Amino acid sequence: MALIDRTTRDQRTLTTARLVLFMEASHDPALREALWRGRAVIAATLEPVLRGLGARDPHTAAGALMACSEGLILHRIARHDDTDIRPVLDLVVRAALA
């Protein structure tokens, strides 16, 4: 939650620029590859944590948690949605560990 808060509040302008890059990557293979490598580093860091917490499929769990987080970040930036994200993250983490 702290990471999402930081990226959407303290680093809002930087995060907005990153979202623009994601859209640009939809038709730029080299940029898409560079962004994918960055995402892979985050997944590689998250998977062992989820494995240690008991996730049966840490790879899928990490993907689900990252996709959810990316969606929450997008909504906060694009929609100015400042609703409490804790219930959503709680739901996804519990499902990832089930």
C-alpha atoms as a PDB file:
ATOM      1  CA  MET A   1       0.000   0.000   0.000  1.00  0.00           C
ATOM      2  CA  ALA A   2       2.813   2.409   0.813  1.00  0.00           C
ATOM      3  CA  LEU A   3       4.304   1.896  -2.656  1.00  0.00           C
ATOM      4  CA  ILE A   4       1.002   2.752  -4.327  1.00  0.00           C
ATOM      5  CA  ASP A   5       0.594   5.798  -2.088  1.00  0.00           C
ATOM      6  CA  ARG A   6       4.090   6.993  -2.907  1.00  0.00           C
ATOM      7  CA  THR A   7       3.799   6.480  -6.656  1.00  0.00           C
ATOM      8  CA  THR A   8       0.400   8.183  -6.861  1.00  0.00           C
ATOM      9  CA  ARG A   9       0.982  11.027  -4.433  1.00  0.00           C
ATOM     10  CA  ASP A  10       4.652  11.910  -3.896  1.00  0.00           C
ATOM     11  CA  GLN A  11       5.673  10.798  -7.401  1.00  0.00           C
ATOM     12  CA  ARG A  12       2.429  11.532  -9.245  1.00  0.00           C
ATOM     13  CA  THR A  13       4.081  13.396 -12.140  1.00  0.00           C
ATOM     14  CA  LEU A  14       6.717  10.703 -12.630  1.00  0.00           C
ATOM     15  CA  THR A  15       4.080   7.968 -12.492  1.00  0.00           C
ATOM     16  CA  THR A  16       1.947   9.811 -15.035  1.00  0.00           C
ATOM     17  CA  ALA A  17       4.957   9.914 -17.365  1.00  0.00           C
ATOM     18  CA  ARG A  18       5.479   6.176 -16.860  1.00  0.00           C
ATOM     19  CA  LEU A  19       1.849   5.505 -17.778  1.00  0.00           C
ATOM     20  CA  VAL A  20       2.346   7.488 -20.985  1.00  0.00           C
ATOM     21  CA  LEU A  21       5.373   5.286 -21.738  1.00  0.00           C
ATOM     22  CA  PHE A  22       3.251   2.162 -21.241  1.00  0.00           C
ATOM     23  CA  MET A  23       0.804   3.461 -23.829  1.00  0.00           C
ATOM     24  CA  GLU A  24       3.647   4.357 -26.201  1.00  0.00           C
ATOM     25  CA  ALA A  25       5.028   0.831 -25.772  1.00  0.00           C
ATOM     26  CA  SER A  26       1.860  -0.577 -27.317  1.00  0.00           C
ATOM     27  CA  HIS A  27       3.354   0.173 -30.731  1.00  0.00           C
ATOM     28  CA  ASP A  28       7.077   0.332 -29.940  1.00  0.00           C
ATOM     29  CA  PRO A  29       8.600  -3.148 -29.486  1.00  0.00           C
ATOM     30  CA  ALA A  30      11.929  -1.886 -28.102  1.00  0.00           C
ATOM     31  CA  LEU A  31      10.218   0.231 -25.461  1.00  0.00           C
ATOM     32  CA  ARG A  32       7.841  -2.628 -24.651  1.00  0.00           C
ATOM     33  CA  GLU A  33      10.817  -4.947 -24.070  1.00  0.00           C
ATOM     34  CA  ALA A  34      12.540  -2.422 -21.804  1.00  0.00           C
ATOM     35  CA  LEU A  35       9.406  -1.949 -19.722  1.00  0.00           C
ATOM     36  CA  TRP A  36       8.850  -5.715 -19.549  1.00  0.00           C
ATOM     37  CA  ARG A  37      12.375  -6.209 -18.169  1.00  0.00           C
ATOM     38  CA  GLY A  38      11.636  -3.733 -15.375  1.00  0.00           C
ATOM     39  CA  ARG A  39       8.404  -5.526 -14.534  1.00  0.00           C
ATOM     40  CA  ALA A  40      10.213  -8.880 -14.530  1.00  0.00           C
ATOM     41  CA  VAL A  41      12.636  -7.576 -11.881  1.00  0.00           C
ATOM     42  CA  ILE A  42       9.724  -6.637  -9.626  1.00  0.00           C
ATOM     43  CA  ALA A  43       8.074 -10.032 -10.168  1.00  0.00           C
ATOM     44  CA  ALA A  44      11.333 -11.837  -9.400  1.00  0.00           C
ATOM     45  CA  THR A  45      11.527  -9.944  -6.111  1.00  0.00           C
ATOM     46  CA  LEU A  46       7.884 -10.539  -5.204  1.00  0.00           C
ATOM     47  CA  GLU A  47       7.675 -14.248  -6.008  1.00  0.00           C
ATOM     48  CA  PRO A  48      10.006 -15.460  -3.212  1.00  0.00           C
ATOM     49  CA  VAL A  49       8.138 -13.310  -0.708  1.00  0.00           C
ATOM     50  CA  LEU A  50       4.828 -14.840  -1.731  1.00  0.00           C
ATOM     51  CA  ARG A  51       6.385 -18.312  -1.700  1.00  0.00           C
ATOM     52  CA  GLY A  52       7.591 -17.668   1.854  1.00  0.00           C
ATOM     53  CA  LEU A  53       4.084 -16.602   2.851  1.00  0.00           C
ATOM     54  CA  GLY A  54       2.701 -19.904   1.540  1.00  0.00           C
ATOM     55  CA  ALA A  55       1.449 -19.120  -1.963  1.00  0.00           C
ATOM     56  CA  ARG A  56       0.914 -22.357  -3.887  1.00  0.00           C
ATOM     57  CA  ASP A  57       1.705 -20.642  -7.192  1.00  0.00           C
ATOM     58  CA  PRO A  58       3.977 -17.672  -6.439  1.00  0.00           C
ATOM     59  CA  HIS A  59       4.389 -16.795 -10.125  1.00  0.00           C
ATOM     60  CA  THR A  60       0.658 -16.423 -10.736  1.00  0.00           C
ATOM     61  CA  ALA A  61       0.178 -14.785  -7.339  1.00  0.00           C
ATOM     62  CA  ALA A  62       2.821 -12.174  -8.153  1.00  0.00           C
ATOM     63  CA  GLY A  63       1.218 -11.509 -11.534  1.00  0.00           C
ATOM     64  CA  ALA A  64      -2.202 -11.042  -9.953  1.00  0.00           C
ATOM     65  CA  LEU A  65      -0.896  -8.732  -7.245  1.00  0.00           C
ATOM     66  CA  MET A  66       1.077  -6.685  -9.767  1.00  0.00           C
ATOM     67  CA  ALA A  67      -1.883  -6.411 -12.166  1.00  0.00           C
ATOM     68  CA  CYS A  68      -4.133  -5.280  -9.338  1.00  0.00           C
ATOM     69  CA  SER A  69      -1.577  -2.736  -8.156  1.00  0.00           C
ATOM     70  CA  GLU A  70      -1.096  -1.397 -11.680  1.00  0.00           C
ATOM     71  CA  GLY A  71      -4.855  -0.985 -12.021  1.00  0.00           C
ATOM     72  CA  LEU A  72      -5.106   0.834  -8.707  1.00  0.00           C
ATOM     73  CA  ILE A  73      -2.277   3.152  -9.741  1.00  0.00           C
ATOM     74  CA  LEU A  74      -3.963   3.833 -13.080  1.00  0.00           C
ATOM     75  CA  HIS A  75      -7.281   4.650 -11.383  1.00  0.00           C
ATOM     76  CA  ARG A  76      -5.640   6.952  -8.879  1.00  0.00           C
ATOM     77  CA  ILE A  77      -3.789   8.850 -11.593  1.00  0.00           C
ATOM     78  CA  ALA A  78      -6.332   8.905 -14.422  1.00  0.00           C
ATOM     79  CA  ARG A  79      -9.547   9.065 -12.406  1.00  0.00           C
ATOM     80  CA  HIS A  80      -8.260  10.856  -9.298  1.00  0.00           C
ATOM     81  CA  ASP A  81      -9.733   7.932  -7.347  1.00  0.00           C
ATOM     82  CA  ASP A  82      -8.518   8.236  -3.770  1.00  0.00           C
ATOM     83  CA  THR A  83     -10.746   5.554  -2.276  1.00  0.00           C
ATOM     84  CA  ASP A  84      -9.232   3.249   0.331  1.00  0.00           C
ATOM     85  CA  ILE A  85      -7.269   0.555  -1.516  1.00  0.00           C
ATOM     86  CA  ARG A  86      -6.700  -1.644   1.530  1.00  0.00           C
ATOM     87  CA  PRO A  87      -9.818  -3.811   1.040  1.00  0.00           C
ATOM     88  CA  VAL A  88      -8.867  -4.499  -2.586  1.00  0.00           C
ATOM     89  CA  LEU A  89      -5.271  -5.357  -1.752  1.00  0.00           C
ATOM     90  CA  ASP A  90      -6.414  -7.493   1.187  1.00  0.00           C
ATOM     91  CA  LEU A  91      -8.728  -9.457  -1.097  1.00  0.00           C
ATOM     92  CA  VAL A  92      -6.057 -10.044  -3.748  1.00  0.00           C
ATOM     93  CA  VAL A  93      -3.332 -10.993  -1.247  1.00  0.00           C
ATOM     94  CA  ARG A  94      -5.669 -13.415   0.544  1.00  0.00           C
ATOM     95  CA  ALA A  95      -6.610 -15.002  -2.790  1.00  0.00           C
ATOM     96  CA  ALA A  96      -2.958 -15.211  -3.791  1.00  0.00           C
ATOM     97  CA  LEU A  97      -2.138 -17.056  -0.590  1.00  0.00           C
ATOM     98  CA  ALA A  98      -5.174 -19.381  -0.697  1.00  0.00           C
END
